[in-house]
Amino acid sequence: MPRNEGMQPGATKGKRVRVRLRNGYDSANYDPPHWPADTLRWTISTPPHPSDILAWKLAD
């Protein structure tokens, strides 16, 4: 899974993604497993917040 660089990757625009958050939450383990990328907060908080996206993957 690519790491989150702090901004929405261009490849995710208008797509759904699987995400892994800093607190260990992995959307693949829940229903629905893929979230709309355009509605997510891609920025990285300072200090880091548990709900920051660490990594992402386009939905299959």
C-alpha atoms as a PDB file:
ATOM      1  CA  MET A   1       0.000   0.000   0.000  1.00  0.00           C
ATOM      2  CA  PRO A   2       1.406   3.446  -0.884  1.00  0.00           C
ATOM      3  CA  ARG A   3       2.053   5.766   2.057  1.00  0.00           C
ATOM      4  CA  ASN A   4      -0.002   8.919   2.431  1.00  0.00           C
ATOM      5  CA  GLU A   5       2.127  11.944   1.521  1.00  0.00           C
ATOM      6  CA  GLY A   6      -0.268  14.432   3.145  1.00  0.00           C
ATOM      7  CA  MET A   7      -2.427  15.262   0.120  1.00  0.00           C
ATOM      8  CA  GLN A   8      -4.919  13.364  -1.988  1.00  0.00           C
ATOM      9  CA  PRO A   9      -3.128  11.405  -4.720  1.00  0.00           C
ATOM     10  CA  GLY A  10      -4.340  12.304  -8.210  1.00  0.00           C
ATOM     11  CA  ALA A  11      -5.053   8.641  -9.001  1.00  0.00           C
ATOM     12  CA  THR A  12      -7.718   8.546  -6.274  1.00  0.00           C
ATOM     13  CA  LYS A  13      -9.902  11.403  -7.558  1.00  0.00           C
ATOM     14  CA  GLY A  14     -13.451  10.136  -8.021  1.00  0.00           C
ATOM     15  CA  LYS A  15     -12.469   6.640  -6.822  1.00  0.00           C
ATOM     16  CA  ARG A  16     -12.905   4.488  -3.748  1.00  0.00           C
ATOM     17  CA  VAL A  17      -9.951   3.456  -1.608  1.00  0.00           C
ATOM     18  CA  ARG A  18      -8.942   1.095   1.150  1.00  0.00           C
ATOM     19  CA  VAL A  19      -7.156   2.974   3.929  1.00  0.00           C
ATOM     20  CA  ARG A  20      -5.027   2.130   6.947  1.00  0.00           C
ATOM     21  CA  LEU A  21      -5.121   4.725   9.717  1.00  0.00           C
ATOM     22  CA  ARG A  22      -2.406   5.601  12.253  1.00  0.00           C
ATOM     23  CA  ASN A  23      -4.443   3.948  15.046  1.00  0.00           C
ATOM     24  CA  GLY A  24      -4.303   0.579  13.222  1.00  0.00           C
ATOM     25  CA  TYR A  25      -7.788   0.742  11.713  1.00  0.00           C
ATOM     26  CA  ASP A  26      -7.857  -0.948   8.304  1.00  0.00           C
ATOM     27  CA  SER A  27     -11.011  -0.337   6.270  1.00  0.00           C
ATOM     28  CA  ALA A  28     -10.630  -3.779   4.618  1.00  0.00           C
ATOM     29  CA  ASN A  29     -11.828  -5.329   7.887  1.00  0.00           C
ATOM     30  CA  TYR A  30     -15.147  -3.455   7.877  1.00  0.00           C
ATOM     31  CA  ASP A  31     -18.218  -2.965   5.727  1.00  0.00           C
ATOM     32  CA  PRO A  32     -17.969  -1.143   3.429  1.00  0.00           C
ATOM     33  CA  PRO A  33     -14.239  -1.867   2.980  1.00  0.00           C
ATOM     34  CA  HIS A  34     -13.657   0.951   0.489  1.00  0.00           C
ATOM     35  CA  TRP A  35     -14.297   4.624   1.143  1.00  0.00           C
ATOM     36  CA  PRO A  36     -14.860   7.492  -1.328  1.00  0.00           C
ATOM     37  CA  ALA A  37     -11.432   9.138  -1.597  1.00  0.00           C
ATOM     38  CA  ASP A  38     -12.837  12.597  -2.322  1.00  0.00           C
ATOM     39  CA  THR A  39     -14.468  12.764   1.130  1.00  0.00           C
ATOM     40  CA  LEU A  40     -11.387  11.787   3.170  1.00  0.00           C
ATOM     41  CA  ARG A  41      -8.995  14.084   5.020  1.00  0.00           C
ATOM     42  CA  TRP A  42      -5.591  13.398   3.468  1.00  0.00           C
ATOM     43  CA  THR A  43      -3.577  15.953   5.459  1.00  0.00           C
ATOM     44  CA  ILE A  44      -1.247  14.770   8.217  1.00  0.00           C
ATOM     45  CA  SER A  45      -1.798  16.438  11.584  1.00  0.00           C
ATOM     46  CA  THR A  46       0.950  17.925  13.731  1.00  0.00           C
ATOM     47  CA  PRO A  47       1.268  16.234  16.121  1.00  0.00           C
ATOM     48  CA  PRO A  48       0.035  13.093  14.316  1.00  0.00           C
ATOM     49  CA  HIS A  49      -3.601  12.200  15.012  1.00  0.00           C
ATOM     50  CA  PRO A  50      -4.850   8.581  15.383  1.00  0.00           C
ATOM     51  CA  SER A  51      -7.239   9.049  12.443  1.00  0.00           C
ATOM     52  CA  ASP A  52      -4.562  10.255   9.992  1.00  0.00           C
ATOM     53  CA  ILE A  53      -4.299   8.065   6.891  1.00  0.00           C
ATOM     54  CA  LEU A  54      -1.002   6.163   6.860  1.00  0.00           C
ATOM     55  CA  ALA A  55      -1.487   4.178   3.666  1.00  0.00           C
ATOM     56  CA  TRP A  56      -4.050   3.712   0.911  1.00  0.00           C
ATOM     57  CA  LYS A  57      -4.897   1.451  -2.031  1.00  0.00           C
ATOM     58  CA  LEU A  58      -7.346   1.883  -4.891  1.00  0.00           C
ATOM     59  CA  ALA A  59     -10.399  -0.355  -4.563  1.00  0.00           C
ATOM     60  CA  ASP A  60     -10.305  -3.476  -6.714  1.00  0.00           C
END
